[in-house]
Amino acid sequence: MRTGLAFAGFGMALCCVGVAGLAAWNLQTVRQATGPIRETADGFLNEVTLGDSDRAYERLCADARSRWSAIGFTSWVRTPPMVTDYEITDVSVATSGGRPHGTVTVKLTRDGGRSEERRLPVVREDGDWRVCGDPF
């Protein structure tokens, strides 16, 4: 009986260590992703604000580029009221299937001073972070 309880206790301790290790690995993955996700969104929004739609388009994920041609994206970015300034207010990172993805919350200021809050989804694609979805 004692031997059975000892093995059960050992097995339970081993499971707890495994779960704690997995949680620590997941937390480390998420923390390492926050900086690059913010940098990707910041670069994208800076290019949009400066009117450099060609470089901003290159930061879009393949799914977004399949829905927007470069010309269509440029027209969309340059349609009034255009973005004149932005402020990143939050970066959240999660994992799905062991792969990190993020959402950047940003306050956009447009021509005329009107501001609005938007969320930019950011995904890992071919080793780089890319803005995905319709950011405006």
N, C-alpha and C. Protein backbone atom coordinates (compact mmCIF):
# COMPACT_ATOMS: atom_id res chain seq x y z
N MET A 1 0.82 -1.19 0.00
CA MET A 1 0.00 0.00 0.00
C MET A 1 0.87 1.26 0.00
N ARG A 2 1.92 1.25 0.85
CA ARG A 2 2.81 2.40 0.92
C ARG A 2 3.54 2.61 -0.40
N THR A 3 3.96 1.54 -1.02
CA THR A 3 4.66 1.65 -2.29
C THR A 3 3.75 2.25 -3.35
N GLY A 4 2.48 1.84 -3.39
CA GLY A 4 1.51 2.37 -4.34
C GLY A 4 1.27 3.85 -4.12
N LEU A 5 1.15 4.25 -2.86
CA LEU A 5 0.96 5.67 -2.54
C LEU A 5 2.21 6.48 -2.90
N ALA A 6 3.38 5.92 -2.69
CA ALA A 6 4.62 6.62 -3.03
C ALA A 6 4.70 6.84 -4.54
N PHE A 7 4.37 5.81 -5.31
CA PHE A 7 4.40 5.96 -6.78
C PHE A 7 3.34 6.96 -7.26
N ALA A 8 2.18 6.94 -6.62
CA ALA A 8 1.12 7.89 -6.99
C ALA A 8 1.56 9.32 -6.67
N GLY A 9 2.18 9.50 -5.51
CA GLY A 9 2.69 10.83 -5.13
C GLY A 9 3.78 11.29 -6.06
N PHE A 10 4.68 10.38 -6.42
CA PHE A 10 5.76 10.71 -7.36
C PHE A 10 5.18 11.09 -8.72
N GLY A 11 4.19 10.33 -9.18
CA GLY A 11 3.56 10.63 -10.46
C GLY A 11 2.85 11.98 -10.45
N MET A 12 2.19 12.28 -9.35
CA MET A 12 1.50 13.56 -9.22
C MET A 12 2.51 14.71 -9.21
N ALA A 13 3.61 14.56 -8.51
CA ALA A 13 4.65 15.59 -8.47
C ALA A 13 5.25 15.79 -9.85
N LEU A 14 5.48 14.71 -10.57
CA LEU A 14 6.03 14.80 -11.92
C LEU A 14 5.07 15.54 -12.85
N CYS A 15 3.78 15.29 -12.73
CA CYS A 15 2.78 16.01 -13.54
C CYS A 15 2.80 17.51 -13.22
N CYS A 16 2.89 17.84 -11.94
CA CYS A 16 2.91 19.26 -11.53
C CYS A 16 4.13 19.97 -12.09
N VAL A 17 5.28 19.30 -12.06
CA VAL A 17 6.50 19.90 -12.61
C VAL A 17 6.35 20.10 -14.11
N GLY A 18 5.75 19.14 -14.80
CA GLY A 18 5.54 19.26 -16.24
C GLY A 18 4.61 20.41 -16.59
N VAL A 19 3.53 20.56 -15.84
CA VAL A 19 2.58 21.65 -16.08
C VAL A 19 3.25 22.99 -15.80
N ALA A 20 4.00 23.09 -14.72
CA ALA A 20 4.70 24.34 -14.40
C ALA A 20 5.73 24.68 -15.48
N GLY A 21 6.44 23.68 -15.98
CA GLY A 21 7.41 23.92 -17.04
C GLY A 21 6.75 24.39 -18.32
N LEU A 22 5.63 23.81 -18.66
CA LEU A 22 4.89 24.22 -19.85
C LEU A 22 4.37 25.64 -19.70
N ALA A 23 3.87 25.98 -18.53
CA ALA A 23 3.38 27.34 -18.27
C ALA A 23 4.52 28.35 -18.37
N ALA A 24 5.68 28.01 -17.83
CA ALA A 24 6.83 28.92 -17.90
C ALA A 24 7.28 29.10 -19.35
N TRP A 25 7.30 28.04 -20.14
CA TRP A 25 7.69 28.14 -21.55
C TRP A 25 6.71 29.02 -22.31
N ASN A 26 5.41 28.83 -22.07
CA ASN A 26 4.39 29.63 -22.73
C ASN A 26 4.52 31.11 -22.36
N LEU A 27 4.75 31.40 -21.09
CA LEU A 27 4.93 32.79 -20.64
C LEU A 27 6.15 33.41 -21.30
N GLN A 28 7.24 32.68 -21.39
CA GLN A 28 8.44 33.20 -22.04
C GLN A 28 8.19 33.48 -23.52
N THR A 29 7.49 32.61 -24.20
CA THR A 29 7.17 32.82 -25.61
C THR A 29 6.34 34.08 -25.80
N VAL A 30 5.36 34.27 -24.94
CA VAL A 30 4.49 35.44 -25.04
C VAL A 30 5.27 36.71 -24.76
N ARG A 31 6.10 36.71 -23.73
CA ARG A 31 6.89 37.91 -23.40
C ARG A 31 7.87 38.28 -24.50
N GLN A 32 8.48 37.30 -25.13
CA GLN A 32 9.43 37.58 -26.21
C GLN A 32 8.74 38.14 -27.44
N ALA A 33 7.45 37.88 -27.59
CA ALA A 33 6.73 38.33 -28.78
C ALA A 33 6.23 39.77 -28.66
N THR A 34 6.06 40.28 -27.46
CA THR A 34 5.46 41.61 -27.27
C THR A 34 6.25 42.70 -27.98
N GLY A 35 7.57 42.73 -27.82
CA GLY A 35 8.39 43.76 -28.45
C GLY A 35 8.30 43.76 -29.97
N PRO A 36 8.54 42.62 -30.61
CA PRO A 36 8.45 42.58 -32.07
C PRO A 36 7.05 42.90 -32.61
N ILE A 37 6.02 42.52 -31.88
CA ILE A 37 4.65 42.82 -32.32
C ILE A 37 4.43 44.33 -32.28
N ARG A 38 4.87 44.97 -31.21
CA ARG A 38 4.75 46.43 -31.10
C ARG A 38 5.55 47.11 -32.21
N GLU A 39 6.77 46.65 -32.46
CA GLU A 39 7.62 47.24 -33.50
C GLU A 39 6.98 47.11 -34.88
N THR A 40 6.37 45.96 -35.16
CA THR A 40 5.70 45.74 -36.44
C THR A 40 4.55 46.72 -36.62
N ALA A 41 3.71 46.83 -35.61
CA ALA A 41 2.56 47.74 -35.69
C ALA A 41 3.03 49.18 -35.78
N ASP A 42 4.05 49.54 -35.01
CA ASP A 42 4.58 50.90 -35.03
C ASP A 42 5.13 51.25 -36.41
N GLY A 43 5.90 50.34 -37.00
CA GLY A 43 6.44 50.57 -38.34
C GLY A 43 5.34 50.72 -39.38
N PHE A 44 4.35 49.84 -39.30
CA PHE A 44 3.22 49.88 -40.24
C PHE A 44 2.48 51.22 -40.13
N LEU A 45 2.13 51.60 -38.91
CA LEU A 45 1.38 52.84 -38.70
C LEU A 45 2.19 54.07 -39.06
N ASN A 46 3.49 54.03 -38.79
CA ASN A 46 4.35 55.15 -39.17
C ASN A 46 4.36 55.32 -40.69
N GLU A 47 4.47 54.22 -41.41
CA GLU A 47 4.46 54.29 -42.87
C GLU A 47 3.11 54.77 -43.40
N VAL A 48 2.02 54.34 -42.79
CA VAL A 48 0.69 54.81 -43.20
C VAL A 48 0.58 56.31 -42.96
N THR A 49 1.03 56.76 -41.79
CA THR A 49 0.97 58.19 -41.44
C THR A 49 1.80 59.03 -42.40
N LEU A 50 2.95 58.52 -42.81
CA LEU A 50 3.82 59.24 -43.73
C LEU A 50 3.37 59.12 -45.18
N GLY A 51 2.38 58.29 -45.44
CA GLY A 51 1.89 58.11 -46.80
C GLY A 51 2.69 57.11 -47.62
N ASP A 52 3.56 56.35 -46.96
CA ASP A 52 4.37 55.35 -47.65
C ASP A 52 3.60 54.03 -47.70
N SER A 53 2.55 54.00 -48.52
CA SER A 53 1.68 52.84 -48.57
C SER A 53 2.36 51.60 -49.16
N ASP A 54 3.37 51.79 -50.02
CA ASP A 54 4.08 50.63 -50.58
C ASP A 54 4.79 49.84 -49.49
N ARG A 55 5.49 50.53 -48.61
CA ARG A 55 6.21 49.84 -47.51
C ARG A 55 5.22 49.29 -46.50
N ALA A 56 4.13 50.02 -46.24
CA ALA A 56 3.11 49.52 -45.32
C ALA A 56 2.48 48.25 -45.87
N TYR A 57 2.24 48.22 -47.17
CA TYR A 57 1.65 47.04 -47.82
C TYR A 57 2.53 45.81 -47.63
N GLU A 58 3.84 46.01 -47.68
CA GLU A 58 4.78 44.89 -47.50
C GLU A 58 4.70 44.30 -46.10
N ARG A 59 4.19 45.05 -45.13
CA ARG A 59 4.06 44.56 -43.75
C ARG A 59 2.78 43.77 -43.52
N LEU A 60 1.90 43.71 -44.54
CA LEU A 60 0.67 42.95 -44.40
C LEU A 60 0.93 41.45 -44.58
N CYS A 61 0.13 40.64 -43.92
CA CYS A 61 0.25 39.19 -44.06
C CYS A 61 -0.26 38.76 -45.45
N ALA A 62 0.03 37.55 -45.82
CA ALA A 62 -0.37 37.04 -47.14
C ALA A 62 -1.89 37.05 -47.30
N ASP A 63 -2.62 36.75 -46.25
CA ASP A 63 -4.08 36.75 -46.34
C ASP A 63 -4.61 38.15 -46.65
N ALA A 64 -4.08 39.16 -45.97
CA ALA A 64 -4.52 40.54 -46.23
C ALA A 64 -4.11 40.98 -47.64
N ARG A 65 -2.91 40.60 -48.07
CA ARG A 65 -2.48 40.97 -49.43
C ARG A 65 -3.28 40.25 -50.49
N SER A 66 -3.83 39.08 -50.16
CA SER A 66 -4.67 38.38 -51.15
C SER A 66 -6.02 39.09 -51.32
N ARG A 67 -6.45 39.83 -50.29
CA ARG A 67 -7.71 40.57 -50.38
C ARG A 67 -7.53 41.99 -50.89
N TRP A 68 -6.32 42.52 -50.79
CA TRP A 68 -6.03 43.89 -51.22
C TRP A 68 -4.89 43.90 -52.21
N SER A 69 -5.09 44.48 -53.34
CA SER A 69 -3.96 44.70 -54.26
C SER A 69 -3.17 45.88 -53.71
N ALA A 70 -1.96 46.06 -54.18
CA ALA A 70 -1.15 47.20 -53.73
C ALA A 70 -1.84 48.52 -54.08
N ILE A 71 -2.43 48.57 -55.26
CA ILE A 71 -3.13 49.79 -55.70
C ILE A 71 -4.38 50.03 -54.85
N GLY A 72 -5.14 48.99 -54.59
CA GLY A 72 -6.33 49.11 -53.76
C GLY A 72 -5.99 49.55 -52.34
N PHE A 73 -4.92 48.98 -51.79
CA PHE A 73 -4.49 49.36 -50.45
C PHE A 73 -4.07 50.82 -50.41
N THR A 74 -3.32 51.25 -51.42
CA THR A 74 -2.88 52.66 -51.49
C THR A 74 -4.09 53.58 -51.55
N SER A 75 -5.08 53.24 -52.35
CA SER A 75 -6.30 54.05 -52.45
C SER A 75 -7.02 54.11 -51.11
N TRP A 76 -7.07 52.99 -50.43
CA TRP A 76 -7.74 52.89 -49.14
C TRP A 76 -7.04 53.77 -48.11
N VAL A 77 -5.69 53.69 -48.07
CA VAL A 77 -4.91 54.48 -47.12
C VAL A 77 -5.05 55.98 -47.39
N ARG A 78 -5.16 56.35 -48.66
CA ARG A 78 -5.20 57.77 -49.03
C ARG A 78 -6.60 58.35 -49.13
N THR A 79 -7.60 57.54 -48.79
CA THR A 79 -8.98 58.03 -48.81
C THR A 79 -9.23 58.86 -47.55
N PRO A 80 -9.69 60.10 -47.71
CA PRO A 80 -9.97 60.94 -46.54
C PRO A 80 -11.10 60.35 -45.70
N PRO A 81 -11.07 60.55 -44.41
CA PRO A 81 -10.04 61.26 -43.64
C PRO A 81 -8.83 60.34 -43.39
N MET A 82 -7.68 60.84 -43.77
CA MET A 82 -6.45 60.04 -43.67
C MET A 82 -5.91 60.07 -42.24
N VAL A 83 -5.13 59.03 -41.92
CA VAL A 83 -4.50 58.94 -40.60
C VAL A 83 -3.35 59.94 -40.55
N THR A 84 -3.36 60.79 -39.54
CA THR A 84 -2.30 61.80 -39.39
C THR A 84 -1.41 61.53 -38.19
N ASP A 85 -1.90 60.73 -37.24
CA ASP A 85 -1.12 60.42 -36.04
C ASP A 85 -1.70 59.15 -35.42
N TYR A 86 -0.94 58.56 -34.52
CA TYR A 86 -1.40 57.35 -33.84
C TYR A 86 -0.70 57.23 -32.50
N GLU A 87 -1.31 56.46 -31.63
CA GLU A 87 -0.72 56.15 -30.33
C GLU A 87 -1.06 54.71 -30.00
N ILE A 88 -0.03 53.90 -29.79
CA ILE A 88 -0.25 52.51 -29.40
C ILE A 88 -0.59 52.51 -27.91
N THR A 89 -1.76 51.99 -27.58
CA THR A 89 -2.21 52.02 -26.19
C THR A 89 -2.10 50.67 -25.49
N ASP A 90 -2.02 49.57 -26.25
CA ASP A 90 -1.93 48.25 -25.63
C ASP A 90 -1.42 47.24 -26.64
N VAL A 91 -0.68 46.29 -26.14
CA VAL A 91 -0.23 45.14 -26.95
C VAL A 91 -0.56 43.90 -26.15
N SER A 92 -1.36 43.03 -26.73
CA SER A 92 -1.67 41.77 -26.07
C SER A 92 -1.20 40.62 -26.94
N VAL A 93 -0.70 39.60 -26.28
CA VAL A 93 -0.16 38.44 -26.98
C VAL A 93 -0.82 37.19 -26.41
N ALA A 94 -1.15 36.29 -27.28
CA ALA A 94 -1.72 35.01 -26.88
C ALA A 94 -1.10 33.92 -27.75
N THR A 95 -1.31 32.70 -27.36
CA THR A 95 -0.86 31.59 -28.19
C THR A 95 -2.05 30.74 -28.57
N SER A 96 -1.98 30.21 -29.76
CA SER A 96 -3.01 29.30 -30.25
C SER A 96 -2.27 28.17 -30.96
N GLY A 97 -2.45 26.98 -30.47
CA GLY A 97 -1.73 25.85 -31.05
C GLY A 97 -0.22 25.98 -30.89
N GLY A 98 0.22 26.64 -29.82
CA GLY A 98 1.64 26.83 -29.58
C GLY A 98 2.27 27.95 -30.39
N ARG A 99 1.46 28.68 -31.16
CA ARG A 99 1.99 29.77 -31.99
C ARG A 99 1.49 31.10 -31.45
N PRO A 100 2.41 32.03 -31.20
CA PRO A 100 1.97 33.33 -30.68
C PRO A 100 1.35 34.21 -31.76
N HIS A 101 0.40 35.01 -31.36
CA HIS A 101 -0.21 36.03 -32.22
C HIS A 101 -0.57 37.19 -31.32
N GLY A 102 -0.70 38.36 -31.88
CA GLY A 102 -0.95 39.52 -31.05
C GLY A 102 -2.03 40.42 -31.58
N THR A 103 -2.46 41.29 -30.69
CA THR A 103 -3.40 42.34 -31.05
C THR A 103 -2.86 43.64 -30.48
N VAL A 104 -2.73 44.63 -31.35
CA VAL A 104 -2.23 45.94 -30.94
C VAL A 104 -3.41 46.89 -30.97
N THR A 105 -3.70 47.49 -29.82
CA THR A 105 -4.76 48.49 -29.74
C THR A 105 -4.13 49.84 -29.96
N VAL A 106 -4.70 50.60 -30.88
CA VAL A 106 -4.11 51.88 -31.26
C VAL A 106 -5.18 52.95 -31.35
N LYS A 107 -4.82 54.15 -30.97
CA LYS A 107 -5.71 55.31 -31.12
C LYS A 107 -5.24 56.05 -32.35
N LEU A 108 -6.07 56.06 -33.38
CA LEU A 108 -5.75 56.74 -34.63
C LEU A 108 -6.34 58.15 -34.61
N THR A 109 -5.56 59.11 -35.09
CA THR A 109 -6.07 60.47 -35.27
C THR A 109 -6.10 60.72 -36.77
N ARG A 110 -7.24 61.21 -37.24
CA ARG A 110 -7.43 61.44 -38.67
C ARG A 110 -7.49 62.93 -38.97
N ASP A 111 -7.46 63.26 -40.27
CA ASP A 111 -7.63 64.66 -40.70
C ASP A 111 -8.81 65.27 -39.95
N GLY A 112 -8.65 66.49 -39.53
CA GLY A 112 -9.74 67.17 -38.83
C GLY A 112 -9.74 66.91 -37.33
N GLY A 113 -8.83 66.06 -36.85
CA GLY A 113 -8.71 65.84 -35.41
C GLY A 113 -9.54 64.72 -34.83
N ARG A 114 -10.40 64.12 -35.62
CA ARG A 114 -11.22 63.01 -35.11
C ARG A 114 -10.33 61.82 -34.77
N SER A 115 -10.58 61.18 -33.64
CA SER A 115 -9.78 60.01 -33.28
C SER A 115 -10.69 58.82 -33.03
N GLU A 116 -10.11 57.66 -33.18
CA GLU A 116 -10.85 56.41 -32.99
C GLU A 116 -9.89 55.33 -32.54
N GLU A 117 -10.43 54.33 -31.87
CA GLU A 117 -9.61 53.22 -31.42
C GLU A 117 -9.78 52.05 -32.39
N ARG A 118 -8.66 51.44 -32.75
CA ARG A 118 -8.67 50.27 -33.64
C ARG A 118 -7.79 49.18 -33.05
N ARG A 119 -8.03 47.97 -33.50
CA ARG A 119 -7.20 46.83 -33.09
C ARG A 119 -6.55 46.23 -34.34
N LEU A 120 -5.24 46.11 -34.29
CA LEU A 120 -4.50 45.52 -35.39
C LEU A 120 -4.10 44.10 -35.01
N PRO A 121 -4.57 43.11 -35.72
CA PRO A 121 -4.08 41.76 -35.46
C PRO A 121 -2.70 41.60 -36.10
N VAL A 122 -1.79 40.96 -35.38
CA VAL A 122 -0.43 40.74 -35.86
C VAL A 122 -0.13 39.25 -35.72
N VAL A 123 0.37 38.65 -36.81
CA VAL A 123 0.65 37.21 -36.82
C VAL A 123 2.10 36.95 -37.25
N ARG A 124 2.59 35.79 -36.90
CA ARG A 124 3.93 35.37 -37.30
C ARG A 124 3.78 34.63 -38.63
N GLU A 125 4.56 35.07 -39.63
CA GLU A 125 4.46 34.47 -40.96
C GLU A 125 5.85 34.44 -41.59
N ASP A 126 6.31 33.27 -41.94
CA ASP A 126 7.62 33.09 -42.57
C ASP A 126 8.75 33.76 -41.78
N GLY A 127 8.67 33.65 -40.46
CA GLY A 127 9.73 34.19 -39.60
C GLY A 127 9.61 35.67 -39.28
N ASP A 128 8.64 36.36 -39.86
CA ASP A 128 8.44 37.79 -39.59
C ASP A 128 7.06 38.02 -39.01
N TRP A 129 6.91 39.13 -38.31
CA TRP A 129 5.61 39.55 -37.82
C TRP A 129 4.95 40.41 -38.87
N ARG A 130 3.66 40.18 -39.09
CA ARG A 130 2.92 40.90 -40.12
C ARG A 130 1.55 41.34 -39.59
N VAL A 131 1.12 42.52 -40.04
CA VAL A 131 -0.21 43.00 -39.72
C VAL A 131 -1.19 42.20 -40.59
N CYS A 132 -2.24 41.69 -39.97
CA CYS A 132 -3.17 40.85 -40.71
C CYS A 132 -4.59 41.37 -40.48
N GLY A 133 -5.44 41.18 -41.43
CA GLY A 133 -6.80 41.68 -41.31
C GLY A 133 -6.90 43.06 -41.91
N ASP A 134 -8.01 43.70 -41.69
CA ASP A 134 -8.24 45.06 -42.19
C ASP A 134 -7.95 46.03 -41.06
N PRO A 135 -6.80 46.68 -41.09
CA PRO A 135 -6.41 47.52 -39.95
C PRO A 135 -7.19 48.81 -39.82
N PHE A 136 -7.98 49.21 -40.80
CA PHE A 136 -8.72 50.46 -40.69
C PHE A 136 -10.19 50.21 -40.72
